[in-house]
Amino acid sequence: MKILDYSRPKGITLLEALFGIAILAIAVIGIIQGMNMGYNYALRSRAATEAQMLAVKRMEDIMALSYDRLDNATYPVEYVTQTQTIAGIPTVTLLWTMTTTVSTVTSPACKHINLSVTWRKNSIERNTTYFMIKSP
């Protein structure tokens, strides 16, 4: 005849289950926050890369002009807007502002070209500046 032992309970108690769920929830929240940070860094890097590509294109256009056609002035400000979507839903709108200034230096004879690219994501504004010299 088999004797049943009821002194030790089988399974887990409700308190153990709640602790297990709490630990799992903390781990999942940490993973989600890490993924969110990674997405934000990727988005910031993408915006900086786009700014660099826009600046290089603008600089190539300016450097293609002859020395005499470069005016000592500020070129019109150029705005480029891009809305990024996730699953068809617009999430972030980025606006790049490009300002170009050309000035002449007499000794040695050359023209300084300053190109500033500014972009904004939410309330954070970032910028980068490029400087080139064109001689006759």
C-alpha atoms as a PDB file:
ATOM      1  CA  MET A   1       0.000   0.000   0.000  1.00  0.00           C
ATOM      2  CA  LYS A   2       1.283   3.430  -0.983  1.00  0.00           C
ATOM      3  CA  ILE A   3       1.521   6.107   1.676  1.00  0.00           C
ATOM      4  CA  LEU A   4       0.824   9.666   0.506  1.00  0.00           C
ATOM      5  CA  ASP A   5       3.012  12.410   1.862  1.00  0.00           C
ATOM      6  CA  TYR A   6       1.065  15.669   2.324  1.00  0.00           C
ATOM      7  CA  SER A   7       3.694  17.437   4.405  1.00  0.00           C
ATOM      8  CA  ARG A   8       5.401  19.070   1.373  1.00  0.00           C
ATOM      9  CA  PRO A   9       3.206  21.052  -1.015  1.00  0.00           C
ATOM     10  CA  LYS A  10       3.490  20.402  -4.758  1.00  0.00           C
ATOM     11  CA  GLY A  11       3.817  23.294  -7.247  1.00  0.00           C
ATOM     12  CA  ILE A  12       4.374  26.979  -6.498  1.00  0.00           C
ATOM     13  CA  THR A  13       2.526  29.400  -4.316  1.00  0.00           C
ATOM     14  CA  LEU A  14       0.828  32.555  -5.488  1.00  0.00           C
ATOM     15  CA  LEU A  15       3.547  34.671  -3.874  1.00  0.00           C
ATOM     16  CA  GLU A  16       6.290  32.831  -5.774  1.00  0.00           C
ATOM     17  CA  ALA A  17       4.399  33.296  -9.031  1.00  0.00           C
ATOM     18  CA  LEU A  18       4.024  37.051  -8.398  1.00  0.00           C
ATOM     19  CA  PHE A  19       7.743  37.409  -7.673  1.00  0.00           C
ATOM     20  CA  GLY A  20       8.581  35.517 -10.852  1.00  0.00           C
ATOM     21  CA  ILE A  21       6.269  37.719 -12.923  1.00  0.00           C
ATOM     22  CA  ALA A  22       7.744  40.881 -11.355  1.00  0.00           C
ATOM     23  CA  ILE A  23      11.308  39.797 -12.185  1.00  0.00           C
ATOM     24  CA  LEU A  24      10.272  38.924 -15.757  1.00  0.00           C
ATOM     25  CA  ALA A  25       8.516  42.301 -16.161  1.00  0.00           C
ATOM     26  CA  ILE A  26      11.611  44.184 -14.992  1.00  0.00           C
ATOM     27  CA  ALA A  27      13.753  42.261 -17.491  1.00  0.00           C
ATOM     28  CA  VAL A  28      11.326  42.938 -20.364  1.00  0.00           C
ATOM     29  CA  ILE A  29      11.140  46.650 -19.517  1.00  0.00           C
ATOM     30  CA  GLY A  30      14.950  46.834 -19.546  1.00  0.00           C
ATOM     31  CA  ILE A  31      15.122  45.140 -22.946  1.00  0.00           C
ATOM     32  CA  ILE A  32      12.472  47.469 -24.402  1.00  0.00           C
ATOM     33  CA  GLN A  33      14.287  50.553 -23.087  1.00  0.00           C
ATOM     34  CA  GLY A  34      17.535  49.288 -24.600  1.00  0.00           C
ATOM     35  CA  MET A  35      15.831  48.797 -27.963  1.00  0.00           C
ATOM     36  CA  ASN A  36      14.343  52.300 -27.749  1.00  0.00           C
ATOM     37  CA  MET A  37      17.767  53.812 -27.032  1.00  0.00           C
ATOM     38  CA  GLY A  38      19.239  51.893 -29.960  1.00  0.00           C
ATOM     39  CA  TYR A  39      16.499  53.189 -32.248  1.00  0.00           C
ATOM     40  CA  ASN A  40      17.102  56.781 -31.123  1.00  0.00           C
ATOM     41  CA  TYR A  41      20.867  56.464 -31.698  1.00  0.00           C
ATOM     42  CA  ALA A  42      20.242  54.998 -35.152  1.00  0.00           C
ATOM     43  CA  LEU A  43      17.845  57.839 -35.955  1.00  0.00           C
ATOM     44  CA  ARG A  44      20.352  60.453 -34.790  1.00  0.00           C
ATOM     45  CA  SER A  45      23.101  58.816 -36.831  1.00  0.00           C
ATOM     46  CA  ARG A  46      20.841  58.701 -39.881  1.00  0.00           C
ATOM     47  CA  ALA A  47      20.005  62.409 -39.526  1.00  0.00           C
ATOM     48  CA  ALA A  48      23.711  63.279 -39.264  1.00  0.00           C
ATOM     49  CA  THR A  49      24.490  61.165 -42.331  1.00  0.00           C
ATOM     50  CA  GLU A  50      21.683  62.855 -44.280  1.00  0.00           C
ATOM     51  CA  ALA A  51      23.045  66.252 -43.230  1.00  0.00           C
ATOM     52  CA  GLN A  52      26.492  65.291 -44.450  1.00  0.00           C
ATOM     53  CA  MET A  53      25.129  64.036 -47.783  1.00  0.00           C
ATOM     54  CA  LEU A  54      23.140  67.243 -48.292  1.00  0.00           C
ATOM     55  CA  ALA A  55      26.187  69.344 -47.451  1.00  0.00           C
ATOM     56  CA  VAL A  56      28.441  67.410 -49.816  1.00  0.00           C
ATOM     57  CA  LYS A  57      25.916  67.791 -52.631  1.00  0.00           C
ATOM     58  CA  ARG A  58      25.619  71.526 -51.991  1.00  0.00           C
ATOM     59  CA  MET A  59      29.413  71.917 -51.788  1.00  0.00           C
ATOM     60  CA  GLU A  60      29.868  70.019 -55.056  1.00  0.00           C
ATOM     61  CA  ASP A  61      27.354  72.331 -56.737  1.00  0.00           C
ATOM     62  CA  ILE A  62      29.181  75.407 -55.431  1.00  0.00           C
ATOM     63  CA  MET A  63      32.659  74.082 -56.229  1.00  0.00           C
ATOM     64  CA  ALA A  64      31.504  73.305 -59.794  1.00  0.00           C
ATOM     65  CA  LEU A  65      30.972  77.035 -60.358  1.00  0.00           C
ATOM     66  CA  SER A  66      33.875  78.985 -61.759  1.00  0.00           C
ATOM     67  CA  TYR A  67      35.820  81.239 -59.413  1.00  0.00           C
ATOM     68  CA  ASP A  68      34.371  84.369 -61.033  1.00  0.00           C
ATOM     69  CA  ARG A  69      30.765  83.178 -60.695  1.00  0.00           C
ATOM     70  CA  LEU A  70      31.009  82.781 -56.927  1.00  0.00           C
ATOM     71  CA  ASP A  71      29.422  85.837 -55.376  1.00  0.00           C
ATOM     72  CA  ASN A  72      30.451  87.378 -52.066  1.00  0.00           C
ATOM     73  CA  ALA A  73      27.104  86.795 -50.483  1.00  0.00           C
ATOM     74  CA  THR A  74      24.939  84.497 -48.511  1.00  0.00           C
ATOM     75  CA  TYR A  75      23.141  82.055 -50.738  1.00  0.00           C
ATOM     76  CA  PRO A  76      19.438  81.435 -50.189  1.00  0.00           C
ATOM     77  CA  VAL A  77      18.710  79.201 -47.236  1.00  0.00           C
ATOM     78  CA  GLU A  78      17.658  75.753 -48.356  1.00  0.00           C
ATOM     79  CA  TYR A  79      15.216  73.646 -46.361  1.00  0.00           C
ATOM     80  CA  VAL A  80      14.891  69.886 -46.696  1.00  0.00           C
ATOM     81  CA  THR A  81      12.154  68.028 -44.818  1.00  0.00           C
ATOM     82  CA  GLN A  82      11.826  64.286 -44.342  1.00  0.00           C
ATOM     83  CA  THR A  83       9.182  62.354 -42.418  1.00  0.00           C
ATOM     84  CA  GLN A  84      10.169  58.899 -41.269  1.00  0.00           C
ATOM     85  CA  THR A  85       7.482  56.258 -40.946  1.00  0.00           C
ATOM     86  CA  ILE A  86       7.181  52.983 -39.107  1.00  0.00           C
ATOM     87  CA  ALA A  87       4.574  50.558 -40.438  1.00  0.00           C
ATOM     88  CA  GLY A  88       3.054  53.353 -42.498  1.00  0.00           C
ATOM     89  CA  ILE A  89       2.619  55.685 -39.522  1.00  0.00           C
ATOM     90  CA  PRO A  90       4.601  58.982 -39.584  1.00  0.00           C
ATOM     91  CA  THR A  91       6.774  59.055 -36.493  1.00  0.00           C
ATOM     92  CA  VAL A  92       9.507  61.690 -36.778  1.00  0.00           C
ATOM     93  CA  THR A  93       9.826  64.719 -39.023  1.00  0.00           C
ATOM     94  CA  LEU A  94      13.333  66.030 -39.562  1.00  0.00           C
ATOM     95  CA  LEU A  95      14.100  69.461 -41.008  1.00  0.00           C
ATOM     96  CA  TRP A  96      17.555  70.322 -42.331  1.00  0.00           C
ATOM     97  CA  THR A  97      18.459  73.982 -42.890  1.00  0.00           C
ATOM     98  CA  MET A  98      21.478  74.765 -45.069  1.00  0.00           C
ATOM     99  CA  THR A  99      23.106  78.204 -45.010  1.00  0.00           C
ATOM    100  CA  THR A 100      25.979  78.995 -47.375  1.00  0.00           C
ATOM    101  CA  THR A 101      28.224  82.078 -47.174  1.00  0.00           C
ATOM    102  CA  VAL A 102      31.003  82.996 -49.629  1.00  0.00           C
ATOM    103  CA  SER A 103      33.612  85.643 -48.778  1.00  0.00           C
ATOM    104  CA  THR A 104      36.684  86.813 -50.677  1.00  0.00           C
ATOM    105  CA  VAL A 105      40.120  87.002 -49.114  1.00  0.00           C
ATOM    106  CA  THR A 106      42.622  89.243 -50.890  1.00  0.00           C
ATOM    107  CA  SER A 107      45.876  87.738 -49.716  1.00  0.00           C
ATOM    108  CA  PRO A 108      46.205  85.072 -50.991  1.00  0.00           C
ATOM    109  CA  ALA A 109      43.436  85.464 -53.560  1.00  0.00           C
ATOM    110  CA  CYS A 110      40.810  82.896 -52.697  1.00  0.00           C
ATOM    111  CA  LYS A 111      37.206  82.564 -51.641  1.00  0.00           C
ATOM    112  CA  HIS A 112      36.131  81.039 -48.369  1.00  0.00           C
ATOM    113  CA  ILE A 113      32.957  78.996 -48.478  1.00  0.00           C
ATOM    114  CA  ASN A 114      31.150  78.260 -45.219  1.00  0.00           C
ATOM    115  CA  LEU A 115      28.285  75.794 -45.252  1.00  0.00           C
ATOM    116  CA  SER A 116      26.265  75.243 -42.105  1.00  0.00           C
ATOM    117  CA  VAL A 117      23.716  72.444 -41.863  1.00  0.00           C
ATOM    118  CA  THR A 118      21.298  72.493 -38.926  1.00  0.00           C
ATOM    119  CA  TRP A 119      18.668  69.882 -38.184  1.00  0.00           C
ATOM    120  CA  ARG A 120      16.117  69.429 -35.459  1.00  0.00           C
ATOM    121  CA  LYS A 121      14.538  66.309 -34.011  1.00  0.00           C
ATOM    122  CA  ASN A 122      11.809  67.047 -31.518  1.00  0.00           C
ATOM    123  CA  SER A 123      13.285  69.856 -29.400  1.00  0.00           C
ATOM    124  CA  ILE A 124      16.949  68.947 -29.884  1.00  0.00           C
ATOM    125  CA  GLU A 125      18.860  70.977 -32.464  1.00  0.00           C
ATOM    126  CA  ARG A 126      22.156  69.811 -33.924  1.00  0.00           C
ATOM    127  CA  ASN A 127      24.418  71.342 -36.521  1.00  0.00           C
ATOM    128  CA  THR A 128      27.571  70.798 -38.484  1.00  0.00           C
ATOM    129  CA  THR A 129      29.735  73.273 -40.382  1.00  0.00           C
ATOM    130  CA  TYR A 130      31.857  72.715 -43.469  1.00  0.00           C
ATOM    131  CA  PHE A 131      34.572  75.065 -44.688  1.00  0.00           C
ATOM    132  CA  MET A 132      36.207  75.073 -48.107  1.00  0.00           C
ATOM    133  CA  ILE A 133      38.583  77.340 -49.992  1.00  0.00           C
ATOM    134  CA  LYS A 134      38.391  77.945 -53.733  1.00  0.00           C
ATOM    135  CA  SER A 135      41.251  79.615 -55.553  1.00  0.00           C
ATOM    136  CA  PRO A 136      41.265  81.067 -59.063  1.00  0.00           C
END
